[in-house]
Amino acid sequence: MRNGIIIPLILLAVTAAPVISSAMPRPCSEDELLESSDYAVQGTVTKVECGEAYDSGECRPVDGESGFKPEMVAKCTATLSVTESIKGDYAPGSEAPVPFLKVVSPCENGSHIIPGSPKADLAEN
């Protein structure tokens, strides 16, 4: 009977491993990031526009903690005045949209499900 339990557990571990590992992608190199992007530019932020704040869903209350406040984020777009085009069709002097996720208010009395989620805060120069 003991072997009958071990084999299903091994099969479960083998089938669950790819799912667990895909939940936290490995960091990518600059070259991989550049290759996967449609464009890459350098420049100065001239305008930032953000949508309504919403619960990111990435923060959960810690057991027994009172006063939990979820992490609130907003989808934003920065307009960049291009000084150098590294990849893509944006020429110097043109404007490029740069979408990003901004933390409006951090998680309080909770913990993140996946630490290190990519969020930024860009401001006009």
PDB file of N, CA and C in Angstrom:
ATOM      1  N   MET A   1       0.826  -1.203   0.000  1.00  0.00           N
ATOM      2  CA  MET A   1       0.000   0.000   0.000  1.00  0.00           C
ATOM      3  C   MET A   1       0.859   1.251   0.000  1.00  0.00           C
ATOM      4  N   ARG A   2       1.988   1.173   0.660  1.00  0.00           N
ATOM      5  CA  ARG A   2       2.855   2.343   0.749  1.00  0.00           C
ATOM      6  C   ARG A   2       3.355   2.783  -0.624  1.00  0.00           C
ATOM      7  N   ASN A   3       3.749   1.846  -1.476  1.00  0.00           N
ATOM      8  CA  ASN A   3       4.209   2.181  -2.825  1.00  0.00           C
ATOM      9  C   ASN A   3       3.091   2.784  -3.661  1.00  0.00           C
ATOM     10  N   GLY A   4       1.860   2.379  -3.395  1.00  0.00           N
ATOM     11  CA  GLY A   4       0.720   2.926  -4.124  1.00  0.00           C
ATOM     12  C   GLY A   4       0.517   4.404  -3.857  1.00  0.00           C
ATOM     13  N   ILE A   5       0.932   4.894  -2.699  1.00  0.00           N
ATOM     14  CA  ILE A   5       0.801   6.311  -2.360  1.00  0.00           C
ATOM     15  C   ILE A   5       1.977   7.109  -2.905  1.00  0.00           C
ATOM     16  N   ILE A   6       3.160   6.542  -2.870  1.00  0.00           N
ATOM     17  CA  ILE A   6       4.368   7.248  -3.302  1.00  0.00           C
ATOM     18  C   ILE A   6       4.324   7.564  -4.796  1.00  0.00           C
ATOM     19  N   ILE A   7       3.901   6.621  -5.617  1.00  0.00           N
ATOM     20  CA  ILE A   7       3.881   6.833  -7.068  1.00  0.00           C
ATOM     21  C   ILE A   7       2.962   7.990  -7.455  1.00  0.00           C
ATOM     22  N   PRO A   8       1.704   8.060  -6.938  1.00  0.00           N
ATOM     23  CA  PRO A   8       0.892   9.228  -7.289  1.00  0.00           C
ATOM     24  C   PRO A   8       1.499  10.546  -6.805  1.00  0.00           C
ATOM     25  N   LEU A   9       2.172  10.544  -5.656  1.00  0.00           N
ATOM     26  CA  LEU A   9       2.805  11.768  -5.170  1.00  0.00           C
ATOM     27  C   LEU A   9       3.943  12.197  -6.085  1.00  0.00           C
ATOM     28  N   ILE A  10       4.709  11.238  -6.578  1.00  0.00           N
ATOM     29  CA  ILE A  10       5.796  11.553  -7.513  1.00  0.00           C
ATOM     30  C   ILE A  10       5.208  12.106  -8.812  1.00  0.00           C
ATOM     31  N   LEU A  11       4.145  11.467  -9.316  1.00  0.00           N
ATOM     32  CA  LEU A  11       3.504  11.964 -10.537  1.00  0.00           C
ATOM     33  C   LEU A  11       2.942  13.365 -10.333  1.00  0.00           C
ATOM     34  N   LEU A  12       2.362  13.622  -9.160  1.00  0.00           N
ATOM     35  CA  LEU A  12       1.848  14.953  -8.854  1.00  0.00           C
ATOM     36  C   LEU A  12       2.978  15.974  -8.838  1.00  0.00           C
ATOM     37  N   ALA A  13       4.110  15.614  -8.216  1.00  0.00           N
ATOM     38  CA  ALA A  13       5.252  16.531  -8.151  1.00  0.00           C
ATOM     39  C   ALA A  13       5.797  16.831  -9.545  1.00  0.00           C
ATOM     40  N   VAL A  14       5.874  15.813 -10.394  1.00  0.00           N
ATOM     41  CA  VAL A  14       6.404  15.991 -11.748  1.00  0.00           C
ATOM     42  C   VAL A  14       5.473  16.866 -12.586  1.00  0.00           C
ATOM     43  N   THR A  15       4.162  16.674 -12.446  1.00  0.00           N
ATOM     44  CA  THR A  15       3.233  17.476 -13.242  1.00  0.00           C
ATOM     45  C   THR A  15       3.041  18.873 -12.676  1.00  0.00           C
ATOM     46  N   ALA A  16       3.218  19.056 -11.372  1.00  0.00           N
ATOM     47  CA  ALA A  16       3.032  20.377 -10.760  1.00  0.00           C
ATOM     48  C   ALA A  16       4.266  21.257 -10.905  1.00  0.00           C
ATOM     49  N   ALA A  17       5.443  20.674 -11.040  1.00  0.00           N
ATOM     50  CA  ALA A  17       6.684  21.452 -11.107  1.00  0.00           C
ATOM     51  C   ALA A  17       6.674  22.491 -12.230  1.00  0.00           C
ATOM     52  N   PRO A  18       6.264  22.132 -13.467  1.00  0.00           N
ATOM     53  CA  PRO A  18       6.249  23.167 -14.513  1.00  0.00           C
ATOM     54  C   PRO A  18       5.272  24.303 -14.215  1.00  0.00           C
ATOM     55  N   VAL A  19       4.146  23.995 -13.590  1.00  0.00           N
ATOM     56  CA  VAL A  19       3.164  25.027 -13.264  1.00  0.00           C
ATOM     57  C   VAL A  19       3.728  25.976 -12.221  1.00  0.00           C
ATOM     58  N   ILE A  20       4.360  25.436 -11.187  1.00  0.00           N
ATOM     59  CA  ILE A  20       4.940  26.257 -10.128  1.00  0.00           C
ATOM     60  C   ILE A  20       6.078  27.106 -10.676  1.00  0.00           C
ATOM     61  N   SER A  21       6.941  26.513 -11.500  1.00  0.00           N
ATOM     62  CA  SER A  21       8.080  27.269 -12.019  1.00  0.00           C
ATOM     63  C   SER A  21       7.636  28.353 -12.996  1.00  0.00           C
ATOM     64  N   SER A  22       6.503  28.153 -13.682  1.00  0.00           N
ATOM     65  CA  SER A  22       6.060  29.188 -14.616  1.00  0.00           C
ATOM     66  C   SER A  22       5.399  30.355 -13.898  1.00  0.00           C
ATOM     67  N   ALA A  23       5.026  30.174 -12.629  1.00  0.00           N
ATOM     68  CA  ALA A  23       4.421  31.266 -11.870  1.00  0.00           C
ATOM     69  C   ALA A  23       5.431  32.366 -11.590  1.00  0.00           C
ATOM     70  N   MET A  24       6.689  32.017 -11.463  1.00  0.00           N
ATOM     71  CA  MET A  24       7.740  33.004 -11.223  1.00  0.00           C
ATOM     72  C   MET A  24       8.762  32.915 -12.349  1.00  0.00           C
ATOM     73  N   PRO A  25       8.588  33.723 -13.385  1.00  0.00           N
ATOM     74  CA  PRO A  25       9.518  33.651 -14.509  1.00  0.00           C
ATOM     75  C   PRO A  25      10.921  34.073 -14.096  1.00  0.00           C
ATOM     76  N   ARG A  26      11.876  33.490 -14.766  1.00  0.00           N
ATOM     77  CA  ARG A  26      13.265  33.835 -14.458  1.00  0.00           C
ATOM     78  C   ARG A  26      13.553  35.241 -14.970  1.00  0.00           C
ATOM     79  N   PRO A  27      14.488  35.932 -14.334  1.00  0.00           N
ATOM     80  CA  PRO A  27      14.862  37.262 -14.828  1.00  0.00           C
ATOM     81  C   PRO A  27      15.450  37.147 -16.233  1.00  0.00           C
ATOM     82  N   CYS A  28      15.230  38.151 -17.053  1.00  0.00           N
ATOM     83  CA  CYS A  28      15.786  38.110 -18.397  1.00  0.00           C
ATOM     84  C   CYS A  28      16.960  39.080 -18.496  1.00  0.00           C
ATOM     85  N   SER A  29      17.801  38.838 -19.476  1.00  0.00           N
ATOM     86  CA  SER A  29      18.950  39.714 -19.699  1.00  0.00           C
ATOM     87  C   SER A  29      18.494  40.933 -20.505  1.00  0.00           C
ATOM     88  N   GLU A  30      19.348  41.936 -20.596  1.00  0.00           N
ATOM     89  CA  GLU A  30      19.032  43.121 -21.403  1.00  0.00           C
ATOM     90  C   GLU A  30      18.813  42.732 -22.859  1.00  0.00           C
ATOM     91  N   ASP A  31      19.631  41.800 -23.363  1.00  0.00           N
ATOM     92  CA  ASP A  31      19.493  41.368 -24.756  1.00  0.00           C
ATOM     93  C   ASP A  31      18.155  40.670 -24.987  1.00  0.00           C
ATOM     94  N   GLU A  32      17.740  39.801 -24.048  1.00  0.00           N
ATOM     95  CA  GLU A  32      16.452  39.113 -24.180  1.00  0.00           C
ATOM     96  C   GLU A  32      15.294  40.100 -24.117  1.00  0.00           C
ATOM     97  N   LEU A  33      15.406  41.078 -23.236  1.00  0.00           N
ATOM     98  CA  LEU A  33      14.364  42.096 -23.114  1.00  0.00           C
ATOM     99  C   LEU A  33      14.271  42.914 -24.399  1.00  0.00           C
ATOM    100  N   LEU A  34      15.403  43.309 -24.943  1.00  0.00           N
ATOM    101  CA  LEU A  34      15.434  44.083 -26.185  1.00  0.00           C
ATOM    102  C   LEU A  34      14.856  43.269 -27.340  1.00  0.00           C
ATOM    103  N   GLU A  35      15.215  41.992 -27.404  1.00  0.00           N
ATOM    104  CA  GLU A  35      14.732  41.122 -28.471  1.00  0.00           C
ATOM    105  C   GLU A  35      13.210  40.943 -28.415  1.00  0.00           C
ATOM    106  N   SER A  36      12.647  40.905 -27.223  1.00  0.00           N
ATOM    107  CA  SER A  36      11.204  40.673 -27.072  1.00  0.00           C
ATOM    108  C   SER A  36      10.378  41.961 -27.181  1.00  0.00           C
ATOM    109  N   SER A  37      11.030  43.108 -27.314  1.00  0.00           N
ATOM    110  CA  SER A  37      10.327  44.395 -27.366  1.00  0.00           C
ATOM    111  C   SER A  37      10.122  44.865 -28.800  1.00  0.00           C
ATOM    112  N   ASP A  38       9.019  45.601 -29.020  1.00  0.00           N
ATOM    113  CA  ASP A  38       8.762  46.175 -30.340  1.00  0.00           C
ATOM    114  C   ASP A  38       9.654  47.382 -30.594  1.00  0.00           C
ATOM    115  N   TYR A  39       9.933  48.125 -29.527  1.00  0.00           N
ATOM    116  CA  TYR A  39      10.804  49.286 -29.666  1.00  0.00           C
ATOM    117  C   TYR A  39      11.529  49.556 -28.354  1.00  0.00           C
ATOM    118  N   ALA A  40      12.644  50.265 -28.460  1.00  0.00           N
ATOM    119  CA  ALA A  40      13.418  50.690 -27.291  1.00  0.00           C
ATOM    120  C   ALA A  40      13.968  52.074 -27.597  1.00  0.00           C
ATOM    121  N   VAL A  41      13.746  53.004 -26.671  1.00  0.00           N
ATOM    122  CA  VAL A  41      14.170  54.386 -26.878  1.00  0.00           C
ATOM    123  C   VAL A  41      14.758  54.956 -25.599  1.00  0.00           C
ATOM    124  N   GLN A  42      15.518  56.042 -25.759  1.00  0.00           N
ATOM    125  CA  GLN A  42      15.962  56.853 -24.632  1.00  0.00           C
ATOM    126  C   GLN A  42      15.379  58.239 -24.841  1.00  0.00           C
ATOM    127  N   GLY A  43      15.077  58.921 -23.734  1.00  0.00           N
ATOM    128  CA  GLY A  43      14.525  60.255 -23.870  1.00  0.00           C
ATOM    129  C   GLY A  43      14.077  60.838 -22.555  1.00  0.00           C
ATOM    130  N   THR A  44      13.268  61.885 -22.651  1.00  0.00           N
ATOM    131  CA  THR A  44      12.784  62.621 -21.489  1.00  0.00           C
ATOM    132  C   THR A  44      11.271  62.494 -21.403  1.00  0.00           C
ATOM    133  N   VAL A  45      10.769  62.224 -20.201  1.00  0.00           N
ATOM    134  CA  VAL A  45       9.325  62.128 -19.995  1.00  0.00           C
ATOM    135  C   VAL A  45       8.727  63.532 -20.063  1.00  0.00           C
ATOM    136  N   THR A  46       7.743  63.716 -20.955  1.00  0.00           N
ATOM    137  CA  THR A  46       7.097  65.023 -21.100  1.00  0.00           C
ATOM    138  C   THR A  46       5.680  65.049 -20.538  1.00  0.00           C
ATOM    139  N   LYS A  47       5.063  63.872 -20.408  1.00  0.00           N
ATOM    140  CA  LYS A  47       3.689  63.817 -19.906  1.00  0.00           C
ATOM    141  C   LYS A  47       3.426  62.431 -19.327  1.00  0.00           C
ATOM    142  N   VAL A  48       2.622  62.375 -18.247  1.00  0.00           N
ATOM    143  CA  VAL A  48       2.207  61.102 -17.655  1.00  0.00           C
ATOM    144  C   VAL A  48       0.699  61.142 -17.456  1.00  0.00           C
ATOM    145  N   GLU A  49       0.014  60.126 -17.961  1.00  0.00           N
ATOM    146  CA  GLU A  49      -1.430  60.004 -17.775  1.00  0.00           C
ATOM    147  C   GLU A  49      -1.726  58.641 -17.172  1.00  0.00           C
ATOM    148  N   CYS A  50      -2.610  58.625 -16.142  1.00  0.00           N
ATOM    149  CA  CYS A  50      -2.942  57.376 -15.458  1.00  0.00           C
ATOM    150  C   CYS A  50      -4.447  57.176 -15.409  1.00  0.00           C
ATOM    151  N   GLY A  51      -4.850  55.915 -15.421  1.00  0.00           N
ATOM    152  CA  GLY A  51      -6.255  55.563 -15.276  1.00  0.00           C
ATOM    153  C   GLY A  51      -6.630  55.499 -13.805  1.00  0.00           C
ATOM    154  N   GLU A  52      -7.820  54.994 -13.538  1.00  0.00           N
ATOM    155  CA  GLU A  52      -8.316  54.859 -12.169  1.00  0.00           C
ATOM    156  C   GLU A  52      -7.511  53.800 -11.420  1.00  0.00           C
ATOM    157  N   ALA A  53      -7.300  54.040 -10.127  1.00  0.00           N
ATOM    158  CA  ALA A  53      -6.597  53.070  -9.287  1.00  0.00           C
ATOM    159  C   ALA A  53      -7.501  51.864  -9.035  1.00  0.00           C
ATOM    160  N   TYR A  54      -6.881  50.686  -8.955  1.00  0.00           N
ATOM    161  CA  TYR A  54      -7.613  49.455  -8.664  1.00  0.00           C
ATOM    162  C   TYR A  54      -6.733  48.533  -7.827  1.00  0.00           C
ATOM    163  N   ASP A  55      -7.355  47.557  -7.175  1.00  0.00           N
ATOM    164  CA  ASP A  55      -6.643  46.581  -6.348  1.00  0.00           C
ATOM    165  C   ASP A  55      -5.823  45.681  -7.266  1.00  0.00           C
ATOM    166  N   SER A  56      -4.516  45.604  -7.028  1.00  0.00           N
ATOM    167  CA  SER A  56      -3.646  44.780  -7.870  1.00  0.00           C
ATOM    168  C   SER A  56      -3.939  43.295  -7.711  1.00  0.00           C
ATOM    169  N   GLY A  57      -4.517  42.910  -6.596  1.00  0.00           N
ATOM    170  CA  GLY A  57      -4.781  41.493  -6.342  1.00  0.00           C
ATOM    171  C   GLY A  57      -3.535  40.719  -5.961  1.00  0.00           C
ATOM    172  N   GLU A  58      -2.417  41.410  -5.776  1.00  0.00           N
ATOM    173  CA  GLU A  58      -1.150  40.750  -5.474  1.00  0.00           C
ATOM    174  C   GLU A  58      -0.814  40.740  -3.993  1.00  0.00           C
ATOM    175  N   CYS A  59      -1.645  41.356  -3.164  1.00  0.00           N
ATOM    176  CA  CYS A  59      -1.355  41.459  -1.737  1.00  0.00           C
ATOM    177  C   CYS A  59      -2.514  40.853  -0.951  1.00  0.00           C
ATOM    178  N   ARG A  60      -2.180  40.008   0.004  1.00  0.00           N
ATOM    179  CA  ARG A  60      -3.189  39.353   0.839  1.00  0.00           C
ATOM    180  C   ARG A  60      -2.951  39.713   2.292  1.00  0.00           C
ATOM    181  N   PRO A  61      -4.032  39.767   3.101  1.00  0.00           N
ATOM    182  CA  PRO A  61      -3.860  40.090   4.522  1.00  0.00           C
ATOM    183  C   PRO A  61      -3.079  39.003   5.252  1.00  0.00           C
ATOM    184  N   VAL A  62      -2.244  39.426   6.193  1.00  0.00           N
ATOM    185  CA  VAL A  62      -1.516  38.488   7.042  1.00  0.00           C
ATOM    186  C   VAL A  62      -2.488  38.038   8.124  1.00  0.00           C
ATOM    187  N   ASP A  63      -2.464  36.754   8.459  1.00  0.00           N
ATOM    188  CA  ASP A  63      -3.371  36.225   9.484  1.00  0.00           C
ATOM    189  C   ASP A  63      -3.265  37.018  10.771  1.00  0.00           C
ATOM    190  N   GLY A  64      -4.401  37.430  11.291  1.00  0.00           N
ATOM    191  CA  GLY A  64      -4.441  38.124  12.570  1.00  0.00           C
ATOM    192  C   GLY A  64      -4.119  39.603  12.515  1.00  0.00           C
ATOM    193  N   GLU A  65      -3.760  40.126  11.356  1.00  0.00           N
ATOM    194  CA  GLU A  65      -3.435  41.554  11.242  1.00  0.00           C
ATOM    195  C   GLU A  65      -4.704  42.357  10.981  1.00  0.00           C
ATOM    196  N   SER A  66      -4.861  43.420  11.721  1.00  0.00           N
ATOM    197  CA  SER A  66      -5.997  44.308  11.462  1.00  0.00           C
ATOM    198  C   SER A  66      -5.511  45.493  10.638  1.00  0.00           C
ATOM    199  N   GLY A  67      -6.414  46.181  10.025  1.00  0.00           N
ATOM    200  CA  GLY A  67      -6.045  47.366   9.251  1.00  0.00           C
ATOM    201  C   GLY A  67      -5.440  47.054   7.903  1.00  0.00           C
ATOM    202  N   PHE A  68      -5.767  45.891   7.323  1.00  0.00           N
ATOM    203  CA  PHE A  68      -5.241  45.535   6.004  1.00  0.00           C
ATOM    204  C   PHE A  68      -5.756  46.507   4.945  1.00  0.00           C
ATOM    205  N   LYS A  69      -4.844  46.967   4.109  1.00  0.00           N
ATOM    206  CA  LYS A  69      -5.200  47.788   2.951  1.00  0.00           C
ATOM    207  C   LYS A  69      -4.499  47.181   1.742  1.00  0.00           C
ATOM    208  N   PRO A  70      -5.249  46.867   0.684  1.00  0.00           N
ATOM    209  CA  PRO A  70      -4.632  46.245  -0.487  1.00  0.00           C
ATOM    210  C   PRO A  70      -3.738  47.223  -1.246  1.00  0.00           C
ATOM    211  N   GLU A  71      -2.845  46.673  -2.033  1.00  0.00           N
ATOM    212  CA  GLU A  71      -2.010  47.489  -2.911  1.00  0.00           C
ATOM    213  C   GLU A  71      -2.890  48.020  -4.042  1.00  0.00           C
ATOM    214  N   MET A  72      -2.898  49.328  -4.207  1.00  0.00           N
ATOM    215  CA  MET A  72      -3.676  49.956  -5.270  1.00  0.00           C
ATOM    216  C   MET A  72      -2.715  50.409  -6.373  1.00  0.00           C
ATOM    217  N   VAL A  73      -3.026  50.045  -7.611  1.00  0.00           N
ATOM    218  CA  VAL A  73      -2.185  50.391  -8.753  1.00  0.00           C
ATOM    219  C   VAL A  73      -3.031  51.064  -9.829  1.00  0.00           C
ATOM    220  N   ALA A  74      -2.360  51.707 -10.766  1.00  0.00           N
ATOM    221  CA  ALA A  74      -3.038  52.333 -11.905  1.00  0.00           C
ATOM    222  C   ALA A  74      -2.225  52.064 -13.167  1.00  0.00           C
ATOM    223  N   LYS A  75      -2.931  51.806 -14.265  1.00  0.00           N
ATOM    224  CA  LYS A  75      -2.270  51.669 -15.562  1.00  0.00           C
ATOM    225  C   LYS A  75      -1.987  53.074 -16.079  1.00  0.00           C
ATOM    226  N   CYS A  76      -0.725  53.330 -16.384  1.00  0.00           N
ATOM    227  CA  CYS A  76      -0.305  54.666 -16.815  1.00  0.00           C
ATOM    228  C   CYS A  76       0.429  54.594 -18.153  1.00  0.00           C
ATOM    229  N   THR A  77       0.522  55.740 -18.797  1.00  0.00           N
ATOM    230  CA  THR A  77       1.324  55.881 -20.008  1.00  0.00           C
ATOM    231  C   THR A  77       2.127  57.164 -19.897  1.00  0.00           C
ATOM    232  N   ALA A  78       3.429  57.029 -20.039  1.00  0.00           N
ATOM    233  CA  ALA A  78       4.311  58.196 -20.074  1.00  0.00           C
ATOM    234  C   ALA A  78       4.584  58.516 -21.543  1.00  0.00           C
ATOM    235  N   THR A  79       4.571  59.786 -21.877  1.00  0.00           N
ATOM    236  CA  THR A  79       4.951  60.214 -23.220  1.00  0.00           C
ATOM    237  C   THR A  79       6.407  60.641 -23.143  1.00  0.00           C
ATOM    238  N   LEU A  80       7.212  60.039 -23.992  1.00  0.00           N
ATOM    239  CA  LEU A  80       8.652  60.256 -23.957  1.00  0.00           C
ATOM    240  C   LEU A  80       9.091  61.014 -25.196  1.00  0.00           C
ATOM    241  N   SER A  81       9.833  62.097 -25.017  1.00  0.00           N
ATOM    242  CA  SER A  81      10.446  62.808 -26.133  1.00  0.00           C
ATOM    243  C   SER A  81      11.749  62.073 -26.446  1.00  0.00           C
ATOM    244  N   VAL A  82      11.796  61.425 -27.596  1.00  0.00           N
ATOM    245  CA  VAL A  82      12.903  60.527 -27.940  1.00  0.00           C
ATOM    246  C   VAL A  82      14.177  61.306 -28.253  1.00  0.00           C
ATOM    247  N   THR A  83      15.269  60.919 -27.578  1.00  0.00           N
ATOM    248  CA  THR A  83      16.587  61.479 -27.894  1.00  0.00           C
ATOM    249  C   THR A  83      17.434  60.465 -28.661  1.00  0.00           C
ATOM    250  N   GLU A  84      17.157  59.163 -28.444  1.00  0.00           N
ATOM    251  CA  GLU A  84      17.883  58.110 -29.161  1.00  0.00           C
ATOM    252  C   GLU A  84      16.962  56.919 -29.367  1.00  0.00           C
ATOM    253  N   SER A  85      16.909  56.427 -30.607  1.00  0.00           N
ATOM    254  CA  SER A  85      16.132  55.236 -30.922  1.00  0.00           C
ATOM    255  C   SER A  85      17.074  54.039 -30.947  1.00  0.00           C
ATOM    256  N   ILE A  86      16.873  53.106 -30.030  1.00  0.00           N
ATOM    257  CA  ILE A  86      17.715  51.917 -29.950  1.00  0.00           C
ATOM    258  C   ILE A  86      17.158  50.828 -30.857  1.00  0.00           C
ATOM    259  N   LYS A  87      15.822  50.727 -30.912  1.00  0.00           N
ATOM    260  CA  LYS A  87      15.153  49.740 -31.756  1.00  0.00           C
ATOM    261  C   LYS A  87      13.764  50.274 -32.085  1.00  0.00           C
ATOM    262  N   GLY A  88      13.318  50.065 -33.310  1.00  0.00           N
ATOM    263  CA  GLY A  88      11.963  50.461 -33.688  1.00  0.00           C
ATOM    264  C   GLY A  88      11.925  51.697 -34.558  1.00  0.00           C
ATOM    265  N   ASP A  89      10.707  52.239 -34.726  1.00  0.00           N
ATOM    266  CA  ASP A  89      10.466  53.319 -35.682  1.00  0.00           C
ATOM    267  C   ASP A  89      10.411  54.716 -35.084  1.00  0.00           C
ATOM    268  N   TYR A  90      10.762  54.895 -33.828  1.00  0.00           N
ATOM    269  CA  TYR A  90      10.704  56.223 -33.213  1.00  0.00           C
ATOM    270  C   TYR A  90      12.021  56.952 -33.436  1.00  0.00           C
ATOM    271  N   ALA A  91      11.970  58.051 -34.196  1.00  0.00           N
ATOM    272  CA  ALA A  91      13.168  58.834 -34.509  1.00  0.00           C
ATOM    273  C   ALA A  91      13.403  59.865 -33.414  1.00  0.00           C
ATOM    274  N   PRO A  92      14.657  60.309 -33.252  1.00  0.00           N
ATOM    275  CA  PRO A  92      14.917  61.388 -32.300  1.00  0.00           C
ATOM    276  C   PRO A  92      14.028  62.596 -32.613  1.00  0.00           C
ATOM    277  N   GLY A  93      13.449  63.178 -31.562  1.00  0.00           N
ATOM    278  CA  GLY A  93      12.534  64.304 -31.719  1.00  0.00           C
ATOM    279  C   GLY A  93      11.069  63.895 -31.729  1.00  0.00           C
ATOM    280  N   SER A  94      10.793  62.611 -31.991  1.00  0.00           N
ATOM    281  CA  SER A  94       9.398  62.154 -31.974  1.00  0.00           C
ATOM    282  C   SER A  94       8.988  61.790 -30.545  1.00  0.00           C
ATOM    283  N   GLU A  95       7.708  61.472 -30.373  1.00  0.00           N
ATOM    284  CA  GLU A  95       7.211  61.089 -29.058  1.00  0.00           C
ATOM    285  C   GLU A  95       6.840  59.614 -29.064  1.00  0.00           C
ATOM    286  N   ALA A  96       7.196  58.909 -27.980  1.00  0.00           N
ATOM    287  CA  ALA A  96       6.905  57.481 -27.858  1.00  0.00           C
ATOM    288  C   ALA A  96       6.101  57.228 -26.585  1.00  0.00           C
ATOM    289  N   PRO A  97       5.049  56.396 -26.676  1.00  0.00           N
ATOM    290  CA  PRO A  97       4.294  56.047 -25.476  1.00  0.00           C
ATOM    291  C   PRO A  97       5.005  54.936 -24.707  1.00  0.00           C
ATOM    292  N   VAL A  98       5.064  55.076 -23.391  1.00  0.00           N
ATOM    293  CA  VAL A  98       5.690  54.053 -22.550  1.00  0.00           C
ATOM    294  C   VAL A  98       4.674  53.639 -21.483  1.00  0.00           C
ATOM    295  N   PRO A  99       4.000  52.491 -21.685  1.00  0.00           N
ATOM    296  CA  PRO A  99       3.030  52.042 -20.687  1.00  0.00           C
ATOM    297  C   PRO A  99       3.745  51.479 -19.458  1.00  0.00           C
ATOM    298  N   PHE A 100       3.166  51.723 -18.286  1.00  0.00           N
ATOM    299  CA  PHE A 100       3.725  51.162 -17.059  1.00  0.00           C
ATOM    300  C   PHE A 100       2.645  51.064 -15.999  1.00  0.00           C
ATOM    301  N   LEU A 101       2.922  50.298 -14.962  1.00  0.00           N
ATOM    302  CA  LEU A 101       2.011  50.117 -13.840  1.00  0.00           C
ATOM    303  C   LEU A 101       2.581  50.870 -12.653  1.00  0.00           C
ATOM    304  N   LYS A 102       1.779  51.766 -12.076  1.00  0.00           N
ATOM    305  CA  LYS A 102       2.241  52.618 -10.978  1.00  0.00           C
ATOM    306  C   LYS A 102       1.542  52.223  -9.682  1.00  0.00           C
ATOM    307  N   VAL A 103       2.305  52.148  -8.589  1.00  0.00           N
ATOM    308  CA  VAL A 103       1.720  51.905  -7.275  1.00  0.00           C
ATOM    309  C   VAL A 103       1.160  53.225  -6.760  1.00  0.00           C
ATOM    310  N   VAL A 104      -0.155  53.278  -6.549  1.00  0.00           N
ATOM    311  CA  VAL A 104      -0.815  54.472  -6.030  1.00  0.00           C
ATOM    312  C   VAL A 104      -0.752  54.465  -4.507  1.00  0.00           C
ATOM    313  N   SER A 105      -1.012  53.305  -3.901  1.00  0.00           N
ATOM    314  CA  SER A 105      -0.845  53.151  -2.449  1.00  0.00           C
ATOM    315  C   SER A 105      -0.360  51.732  -2.174  1.00  0.00           C
ATOM    316  N   PRO A 106       0.680  51.602  -1.343  1.00  0.00           N
ATOM    317  CA  PRO A 106       1.263  50.286  -1.088  1.00  0.00           C
ATOM    318  C   PRO A 106       0.370  49.416  -0.203  1.00  0.00           C
ATOM    319  N   CYS A 107       0.671  48.145  -0.204  1.00  0.00           N
ATOM    320  CA  CYS A 107      -0.007  47.173   0.649  1.00  0.00           C
ATOM    321  C   CYS A 107       0.347  47.470   2.108  1.00  0.00           C
ATOM    322  N   GLU A 108      -0.665  47.464   2.974  1.00  0.00           N
ATOM    323  CA  GLU A 108      -0.425  47.679   4.401  1.00  0.00           C
ATOM    324  C   GLU A 108      -0.974  46.495   5.182  1.00  0.00           C
ATOM    325  N   ASN A 109      -0.171  46.000   6.135  1.00  0.00           N
ATOM    326  CA  ASN A 109      -0.548  44.865   6.981  1.00  0.00           C
ATOM    327  C   ASN A 109      -0.916  43.640   6.150  1.00  0.00           C
ATOM    328  N   GLY A 110      -0.111  43.389   5.118  1.00  0.00           N
ATOM    329  CA  GLY A 110      -0.314  42.238   4.251  1.00  0.00           C
ATOM    330  C   GLY A 110       1.002  41.811   3.640  1.00  0.00           C
ATOM    331  N   SER A 111       0.952  40.799   2.788  1.00  0.00           N
ATOM    332  CA  SER A 111       2.166  40.342   2.111  1.00  0.00           C
ATOM    333  C   SER A 111       1.841  40.058   0.651  1.00  0.00           C
ATOM    334  N   HIS A 112       2.853  40.214  -0.211  1.00  0.00           N
ATOM    335  CA  HIS A 112       2.677  39.992  -1.640  1.00  0.00           C
ATOM    336  C   HIS A 112       2.694  38.501  -1.951  1.00  0.00           C
ATOM    337  N   ILE A 113       1.834  38.097  -2.872  1.00  0.00           N
ATOM    338  CA  ILE A 113       1.776  36.707  -3.304  1.00  0.00           C
ATOM    339  C   ILE A 113       3.071  36.357  -4.029  1.00  0.00           C
ATOM    340  N   ILE A 114       3.478  37.204  -4.964  1.00  0.00           N
ATOM    341  CA  ILE A 114       4.734  37.026  -5.698  1.00  0.00           C
ATOM    342  C   ILE A 114       5.563  38.276  -5.464  1.00  0.00           C
ATOM    343  N   PRO A 115       6.647  38.176  -4.668  1.00  0.00           N
ATOM    344  CA  PRO A 115       7.455  39.368  -4.396  1.00  0.00           C
ATOM    345  C   PRO A 115       8.137  39.894  -5.656  1.00  0.00           C
ATOM    346  N   GLY A 116       8.340  41.202  -5.694  1.00  0.00           N
ATOM    347  CA  GLY A 116       9.109  41.810  -6.777  1.00  0.00           C
ATOM    348  C   GLY A 116       8.351  42.017  -8.064  1.00  0.00           C
ATOM    349  N   SER A 117       7.051  42.213  -8.012  1.00  0.00           N
ATOM    350  CA  SER A 117       6.283  42.465  -9.227  1.00  0.00           C
ATOM    351  C   SER A 117       6.750  43.769  -9.875  1.00  0.00           C
ATOM    352  N   PRO A 118       6.820  43.799 -11.227  1.00  0.00           N
ATOM    353  CA  PRO A 118       7.349  44.986 -11.898  1.00  0.00           C
ATOM    354  C   PRO A 118       6.378  46.162 -11.882  1.00  0.00           C
ATOM    355  N   LYS A 119       6.752  47.206 -11.172  1.00  0.00           N
ATOM    356  CA  LYS A 119       5.969  48.434 -11.138  1.00  0.00           C
ATOM    357  C   LYS A 119       6.956  49.588 -11.178  1.00  0.00           C
ATOM    358  N   ALA A 120       6.511  50.727 -11.664  1.00  0.00           N
ATOM    359  CA  ALA A 120       7.415  51.866 -11.804  1.00  0.00           C
ATOM    360  C   ALA A 120       6.699  53.144 -11.421  1.00  0.00           C
ATOM    361  N   ASP A 121       7.462  54.197 -11.318  1.00  0.00           N
ATOM    362  CA  ASP A 121       6.880  55.519 -11.136  1.00  0.00           C
ATOM    363  C   ASP A 121       7.704  56.482 -11.978  1.00  0.00           C
ATOM    364  N   LEU A 122       7.122  56.939 -13.063  1.00  0.00           N
ATOM    365  CA  LEU A 122       7.808  57.876 -13.947  1.00  0.00           C
ATOM    366  C   LEU A 122       7.196  59.248 -13.749  1.00  0.00           C
ATOM    367  N   ALA A 123       8.018  60.270 -13.743  1.00  0.00           N
ATOM    368  CA  ALA A 123       7.536  61.639 -13.543  1.00  0.00           C
ATOM    369  C   ALA A 123       8.043  62.523 -14.669  1.00  0.00           C
ATOM    370  N   GLU A 124       7.313  63.605 -14.915  1.00  0.00           N
ATOM    371  CA  GLU A 124       7.735  64.550 -15.948  1.00  0.00           C
ATOM    372  C   GLU A 124       9.044  65.195 -15.546  1.00  0.00           C
ATOM    373  N   ASN A 125       9.879  65.467 -16.535  1.00  0.00           N
ATOM    374  CA  ASN A 125      11.172  66.086 -16.275  1.00  0.00           C
ATOM    375  C   ASN A 125      11.089  67.577 -16.412  1.00  0.00           C
TER     376      ASN A 125
END
